[in-house]
Amino acid sequence: MKAFILAAGKGTRLRPFTDALPKPLMPVLNKPVMAHILNLCHKHGFDQLVANLHYRGEKISAFFSNGADYDVSLQYSWEEQLLGTAGGVRRQADFLANDTFLVISGDVMTDIDLTALLKFHRESGAVATMAVKEVGDPSRFGIVVTETDGRVTRFQEKPARGTEQSRLANTGIYVLEPEVFNWIPPMAFFDFGNDLFPMLVAKGAPVYAMHTDAYWSDVGTLGQYLYTHWQLLTHPGTKERIGNNTLIEPGAVVSEQALVGSNCVIEAGARVLGYSCVSNSCVIRSGTVVCDSVVWTTEQFAHILSGELVRSIWGDGKQVSLDMPNL
């Protein structure tokens, strides 16, 4: 099965970290967020992948190469100018033309059952199926309104509080038939949510939405990035909390909810508290406090951290503190 991974965005809301690092390489639980997506695709049989690239794309292709480390075949589609979500996919119409295919963002965290989404799509006879999730604050999302069988009737883009006609948010995860290329202009900026899907619904084409209760988080803001770590670190599936060759010296304190990568040293008198995540190759000095924070380095050599880090993100020498995450 084939899939298209959206990986071309600039990730401006994650600055300053994305000044040098493309958003799909932002680490979540000590792995690039796109690595989690490749693993998810492989798990559900999507093993022929293409990702579009634009901003810092050379770093993405250098890191993932041909996808062999993730048991998938990964190709790249370079966009000199951004073409939008649908426009970027349209550029790879020849690659995707032979069968039903998946479109998924390379910068979300999710454990959605892609097999169930594909089954729903085929049984409904849809030309396009989107995964939707009920959210508490519809004003932050593109909202989808459906009939009882899941057929989409209309959309609302970030409706003002109290005006929402649904609480089902578009997750940006789609299963599509190749015939959608008939409605996407070639080499033009075109978006799924704003352009293609409203057009298809208006023309009476079968567009469906499958409700999911799976975990889903777009790590698109600094606050959401930090909050996503807190959510995932509460998950009982996160079992291996201390990485290989990591030394926690006597007198150091590491929370049971924290995650510490490989080849780290947590010195005596250091404290890693709450829902904190420390990446590989970090040395946490004596007297340092890391609380409900994310610490990462993309360098291979050890990084030494000292001082106090509370509800903060520290990455490659840059730090942002968030008193209350901007969710």
Protein backbone atom coordinates (compact mmCIF):
# COMPACT_ATOMS: atom_id res chain seq x y z
CA MET A 1 0.00 0.00 0.00
CA LYS A 2 1.12 3.54 -0.76
CA ALA A 3 1.08 6.64 1.41
CA PHE A 4 1.99 10.30 1.05
CA ILE A 5 3.58 12.00 4.06
CA LEU A 6 3.18 15.76 4.34
CA ALA A 7 6.58 17.04 5.50
CA ALA A 8 7.13 20.34 3.67
CA GLY A 9 5.88 22.91 6.20
CA LYS A 10 8.04 25.49 7.93
CA GLY A 11 6.80 24.90 11.49
CA THR A 12 6.94 28.62 12.30
CA ARG A 13 4.96 28.24 15.53
CA LEU A 14 7.72 26.01 16.91
CA ARG A 15 10.41 28.66 16.61
CA PRO A 16 13.15 29.08 17.69
CA PHE A 17 13.69 25.32 17.48
CA THR A 18 12.58 25.08 13.85
CA ASP A 19 14.92 27.86 12.78
CA ALA A 20 17.45 25.10 12.13
CA LEU A 21 15.41 21.90 12.47
CA PRO A 22 12.42 21.00 10.24
CA LYS A 23 9.25 20.21 12.16
CA PRO A 24 9.16 16.48 11.21
CA LEU A 25 12.52 16.07 12.97
CA MET A 26 11.34 17.62 16.23
CA PRO A 27 11.87 14.84 18.79
CA VAL A 28 8.90 13.42 20.66
CA LEU A 29 9.79 10.81 23.29
CA ASN A 30 13.34 11.00 21.95
CA LYS A 31 12.46 10.11 18.35
CA PRO A 32 11.70 12.49 15.48
CA VAL A 33 7.95 12.87 15.21
CA MET A 34 8.06 11.62 11.60
CA ALA A 35 9.76 8.42 12.78
CA HIS A 36 6.63 7.59 14.75
CA ILE A 37 4.59 8.08 11.55
CA LEU A 38 6.86 5.76 9.54
CA ASN A 39 6.48 3.10 12.23
CA LEU A 40 2.70 3.53 12.19
CA CYS A 41 2.55 3.21 8.40
CA HIS A 42 4.66 0.05 8.46
CA LYS A 43 2.50 -1.47 11.19
CA HIS A 44 -0.59 -1.15 8.99
CA GLY A 45 0.93 -2.26 5.71
CA PHE A 46 1.65 1.10 4.11
CA ASP A 47 5.21 0.44 3.02
CA GLN A 48 5.61 2.43 -0.22
CA LEU A 49 5.91 6.01 0.89
CA VAL A 50 6.68 9.40 -0.58
CA ALA A 51 7.20 12.56 1.47
CA ASN A 52 7.12 16.09 0.13
CA LEU A 53 9.98 18.34 1.18
CA HIS A 54 10.60 22.07 1.15
CA TYR A 55 11.87 23.71 4.35
CA ARG A 56 15.16 22.15 5.53
CA GLY A 57 14.21 19.14 3.45
CA GLU A 58 17.79 18.00 3.05
CA LYS A 59 17.91 17.26 6.77
CA ILE A 60 14.82 15.06 6.52
CA SER A 61 16.15 13.08 3.56
CA ALA A 62 19.56 12.73 5.22
CA PHE A 63 18.01 11.40 8.43
CA PHE A 64 15.52 8.92 6.96
CA SER A 65 17.35 8.10 3.71
CA ASN A 66 15.37 5.45 1.79
CA GLY A 67 13.36 4.35 4.84
CA ALA A 68 15.08 0.98 5.17
CA ASP A 69 15.65 1.44 8.91
CA TYR A 70 11.85 1.60 9.28
CA ASP A 71 11.13 -1.32 6.93
CA VAL A 72 9.51 0.93 4.34
CA SER A 73 10.50 2.29 0.94
CA LEU A 74 10.68 6.08 1.20
CA GLN A 75 11.00 8.50 -1.72
CA TYR A 76 10.94 12.30 -1.75
CA SER A 77 9.10 14.97 -3.68
CA TRP A 78 10.94 18.30 -3.56
CA GLU A 79 8.79 21.42 -3.88
CA GLU A 80 10.63 24.58 -4.86
CA GLN A 81 7.45 26.47 -3.99
CA LEU A 82 4.88 25.14 -1.55
CA LEU A 83 1.86 23.69 -3.33
CA GLY A 84 -0.48 23.17 -0.38
CA THR A 85 -1.53 19.82 1.05
CA ALA A 86 -3.53 18.66 -1.99
CA GLY A 87 -1.26 20.34 -4.54
CA GLY A 88 1.76 18.55 -3.14
CA VAL A 89 -0.01 15.19 -3.37
CA ARG A 90 -1.21 15.97 -6.93
CA ARG A 91 2.43 16.36 -7.96
CA GLN A 92 2.90 12.64 -7.22
CA ALA A 93 -0.20 11.51 -9.11
CA ASP A 94 1.78 9.10 -11.27
CA PHE A 95 3.17 7.33 -8.20
CA LEU A 96 -0.23 7.17 -6.46
CA ALA A 97 -2.49 6.57 -9.45
CA ASN A 98 -2.94 2.81 -9.31
CA ASP A 99 -4.77 2.22 -6.02
CA THR A 100 -6.31 3.63 -2.86
CA PHE A 101 -3.71 5.58 -0.88
CA LEU A 102 -3.15 7.26 2.48
CA VAL A 103 -2.25 10.87 3.22
CA ILE A 104 -0.90 11.67 6.68
CA SER A 105 1.05 14.52 8.26
CA GLY A 106 4.65 13.88 9.21
CA ASP A 107 4.31 16.04 12.31
CA VAL A 108 1.47 14.51 14.34
CA MET A 109 1.51 11.98 17.13
CA THR A 110 -1.18 9.36 16.78
CA ASP A 111 -1.86 5.67 17.25
CA ILE A 112 -4.86 5.64 14.92
CA ASP A 113 -5.87 2.29 13.45
CA LEU A 114 -5.10 2.90 9.77
CA THR A 115 -6.35 -0.58 8.90
CA ALA A 116 -9.78 0.27 10.32
CA LEU A 117 -9.77 3.59 8.44
CA LEU A 118 -9.02 1.82 5.15
CA LYS A 119 -11.78 -0.73 5.82
CA PHE A 120 -14.32 2.01 6.60
CA HIS A 121 -13.34 3.84 3.42
CA ARG A 122 -13.83 0.81 1.20
CA GLU A 123 -17.10 -0.25 2.79
CA SER A 124 -18.58 3.24 2.48
CA GLY A 125 -17.71 3.54 -1.21
CA ALA A 126 -16.10 6.92 -0.57
CA VAL A 127 -13.86 8.80 -2.93
CA ALA A 128 -12.30 10.43 0.12
CA THR A 129 -12.41 9.50 3.81
CA MET A 130 -11.02 11.55 6.66
CA ALA A 131 -10.40 10.52 10.23
CA VAL A 132 -12.16 12.85 12.68
CA LYS A 133 -11.90 13.13 16.44
CA GLU A 134 -14.22 14.76 18.95
CA VAL A 135 -12.55 17.74 20.61
CA GLY A 136 -13.40 19.92 23.58
CA ASP A 137 -12.71 23.24 21.86
CA PRO A 138 -13.87 23.20 18.23
CA SER A 139 -12.76 26.82 17.73
CA ARG A 140 -9.18 25.59 17.32
CA PHE A 141 -9.87 23.18 14.46
CA GLY A 142 -11.44 22.59 11.09
CA ILE A 143 -14.77 21.03 12.01
CA VAL A 144 -16.61 18.36 10.01
CA VAL A 145 -20.40 17.93 9.98
CA THR A 146 -21.72 14.51 8.99
CA GLU A 147 -24.84 12.44 8.60
CA THR A 148 -25.34 9.47 10.94
CA ASP A 149 -23.54 7.11 8.53
CA GLY A 150 -20.50 9.38 8.37
CA ARG A 151 -21.18 11.06 5.05
CA VAL A 152 -19.83 14.62 5.18
CA THR A 153 -22.34 17.39 4.55
CA ARG A 154 -20.40 20.55 5.35
CA PHE A 155 -17.37 22.08 7.07
CA GLN A 156 -16.67 24.84 9.56
CA GLU A 157 -13.22 26.37 9.83
CA LYS A 158 -12.42 27.22 13.47
CA PRO A 159 -15.99 28.23 14.40
CA ALA A 160 -16.46 30.83 17.11
CA ARG A 161 -17.30 29.32 20.49
CA GLY A 162 -20.97 28.42 20.65
CA THR A 163 -21.47 28.43 16.87
CA GLU A 164 -20.01 24.99 16.15
CA GLN A 165 -22.29 22.55 14.36
CA SER A 166 -20.14 19.60 15.39
CA ARG A 167 -17.24 18.75 17.66
CA LEU A 168 -15.57 16.49 15.13
CA ALA A 169 -12.16 17.83 14.16
CA ASN A 170 -10.41 16.98 10.91
CA THR A 171 -7.20 15.19 11.91
CA GLY A 172 -5.51 15.61 8.52
CA ILE A 173 -5.40 11.84 8.01
CA TYR A 174 -7.07 10.77 4.76
CA VAL A 175 -7.69 7.71 2.61
CA LEU A 176 -8.26 8.68 -1.01
CA GLU A 177 -9.08 7.21 -4.39
CA PRO A 178 -6.89 8.27 -7.33
CA GLU A 179 -9.89 9.90 -9.01
CA VAL A 180 -9.48 12.87 -6.65
CA PHE A 181 -6.67 13.98 -8.96
CA ASN A 182 -9.35 14.94 -11.48
CA TRP A 183 -10.34 17.82 -9.15
CA ILE A 184 -6.87 19.03 -8.15
CA PRO A 185 -5.19 21.43 -10.60
CA PRO A 186 -1.60 20.47 -11.45
CA MET A 187 1.27 22.59 -10.15
CA ALA A 188 -1.01 25.00 -8.27
CA PHE A 189 -1.46 25.76 -4.58
CA PHE A 190 -4.45 23.68 -3.44
CA ASP A 191 -5.51 22.52 -0.01
CA PHE A 192 -7.51 19.49 1.10
CA GLY A 193 -9.51 21.14 3.87
CA ASN A 194 -10.10 24.54 2.28
CA ASP A 195 -10.37 23.61 -1.38
CA LEU A 196 -10.75 19.97 -2.39
CA PHE A 197 -13.13 18.53 0.20
CA PRO A 198 -15.65 21.43 0.12
CA MET A 199 -15.64 21.17 -3.69
CA LEU A 200 -16.27 17.42 -3.60
CA VAL A 201 -19.11 17.78 -1.10
CA ALA A 202 -20.67 20.58 -3.14
CA LYS A 203 -20.59 18.35 -6.22
CA GLY A 204 -22.25 15.49 -4.33
CA ALA A 205 -19.21 13.21 -4.39
CA PRO A 206 -19.10 10.61 -1.58
CA VAL A 207 -16.86 12.10 1.11
CA TYR A 208 -16.98 10.31 4.46
CA ALA A 209 -15.56 10.78 7.95
CA MET A 210 -14.65 8.00 10.36
CA HIS A 211 -14.79 8.91 14.05
CA THR A 212 -11.77 7.74 16.02
CA ASP A 213 -11.02 7.64 19.72
CA ALA A 214 -7.32 7.08 19.05
CA TYR A 215 -4.67 9.37 20.46
CA TRP A 216 -3.98 12.30 18.15
CA SER A 217 -1.97 15.43 18.74
CA ASP A 218 -0.65 17.98 16.27
CA VAL A 219 2.58 19.19 17.88
CA GLY A 220 2.26 22.48 16.04
CA THR A 221 2.79 24.93 18.90
CA LEU A 222 5.33 25.06 21.70
CA GLY A 223 2.60 24.58 24.29
CA GLN A 224 1.09 21.61 22.50
CA TYR A 225 4.53 20.10 21.99
CA LEU A 226 5.19 20.19 25.73
CA TYR A 227 1.67 19.05 26.63
CA THR A 228 1.93 16.12 24.20
CA HIS A 229 4.92 14.85 26.14
CA TRP A 230 2.97 15.08 29.39
CA GLN A 231 0.12 13.11 27.84
CA LEU A 232 2.34 10.42 26.38
CA LEU A 233 4.37 10.01 29.55
CA THR A 234 1.17 9.12 31.42
CA HIS A 235 0.54 6.29 28.96
CA PRO A 236 1.09 2.82 30.44
CA GLY A 237 2.54 1.71 27.10
CA THR A 238 5.65 3.80 27.79
CA LYS A 239 7.52 1.08 29.67
CA GLU A 240 11.26 1.51 29.06
CA ARG A 241 11.89 4.70 30.99
CA ILE A 242 15.70 4.59 31.26
CA GLY A 243 17.84 4.10 28.15
CA ASN A 244 20.87 1.89 27.61
CA ASN A 245 24.21 2.86 29.15
CA THR A 246 22.60 5.62 31.22
CA LEU A 247 24.07 6.19 34.68
CA ILE A 248 21.88 7.50 37.48
CA GLU A 249 24.29 8.21 40.31
CA PRO A 250 23.35 7.51 43.94
CA GLY A 251 21.67 10.61 45.34
CA ALA A 252 20.07 11.58 42.02
CA VAL A 253 16.26 11.67 41.80
CA VAL A 254 14.42 10.58 38.67
CA SER A 255 10.63 10.54 38.64
CA GLU A 256 8.88 7.30 37.75
CA GLN A 257 6.96 9.27 35.11
CA ALA A 258 10.09 10.66 33.45
CA LEU A 259 11.84 9.30 30.37
CA VAL A 260 15.64 9.40 30.11
CA GLY A 261 17.44 8.36 26.93
CA SER A 262 20.60 6.35 26.36
CA ASN A 263 24.18 7.32 27.23
CA CYS A 264 23.11 9.90 29.80
CA VAL A 265 24.49 10.73 33.22
CA ILE A 266 22.22 12.02 35.98
CA GLU A 267 24.68 13.17 38.62
CA ALA A 268 24.21 12.85 42.37
CA GLY A 269 22.10 15.77 43.60
CA ALA A 270 20.38 16.28 40.23
CA ARG A 271 16.60 15.96 40.05
CA VAL A 272 14.53 14.98 37.00
CA LEU A 273 10.97 15.43 38.20
CA GLY A 274 7.40 15.05 36.98
CA TYR A 275 6.68 14.37 33.32
CA SER A 276 10.13 15.20 31.98
CA CYS A 277 11.85 13.81 28.91
CA VAL A 278 15.64 13.85 28.52
CA SER A 279 17.15 12.77 25.21
CA ASN A 280 20.21 10.63 24.53
CA SER A 281 23.68 11.92 25.37
CA CYS A 282 22.77 14.41 28.08
CA VAL A 283 24.58 15.03 31.35
CA ILE A 284 22.40 16.53 34.09
CA ARG A 285 24.75 18.18 36.56
CA SER A 286 24.50 17.95 40.33
CA GLY A 287 22.08 20.55 41.68
CA THR A 288 20.16 20.80 38.39
CA VAL A 289 16.36 20.57 38.48
CA VAL A 290 14.41 19.45 35.42
CA CYS A 291 10.66 19.46 36.09
CA ASP A 292 7.87 18.78 33.58
CA SER A 293 10.28 19.74 30.80
CA VAL A 294 11.70 18.38 27.55
CA VAL A 295 15.47 18.36 27.01
CA TRP A 296 16.99 17.22 23.75
CA THR A 297 20.10 17.43 21.66
CA THR A 298 20.52 16.34 18.05
CA GLU A 299 24.29 16.18 18.45
CA GLN A 300 26.09 12.88 18.98
CA PHE A 301 28.38 14.20 21.70
CA ALA A 302 27.23 14.66 25.27
CA HIS A 303 25.53 17.89 26.26
CA ILE A 304 25.88 19.19 29.81
CA LEU A 305 22.87 20.85 31.41
CA SER A 306 22.87 22.80 34.66
CA GLY A 307 20.50 25.17 36.44
CA GLU A 308 16.72 24.96 36.70
CA LEU A 309 14.29 23.98 33.97
CA VAL A 310 10.59 24.05 34.87
CA ARG A 311 7.80 23.60 32.31
CA SER A 312 10.30 24.36 29.61
CA ILE A 313 11.69 23.10 26.34
CA TRP A 314 15.45 22.98 25.91
CA GLY A 315 16.78 21.92 22.52
CA ASP A 316 20.25 22.30 21.05
CA GLY A 317 21.11 25.25 23.29
CA LYS A 318 17.78 27.09 22.87
CA GLN A 319 15.30 27.36 25.70
CA VAL A 320 11.67 28.41 25.99
CA SER A 321 9.85 28.47 29.32
CA LEU A 322 6.07 28.15 29.40
CA ASP A 323 4.32 29.12 32.61
CA MET A 324 1.10 27.69 31.19
CA PRO A 325 1.28 25.92 27.83
CA ASN A 326 -0.37 27.84 25.02
CA LEU A 327 -2.69 25.08 23.86
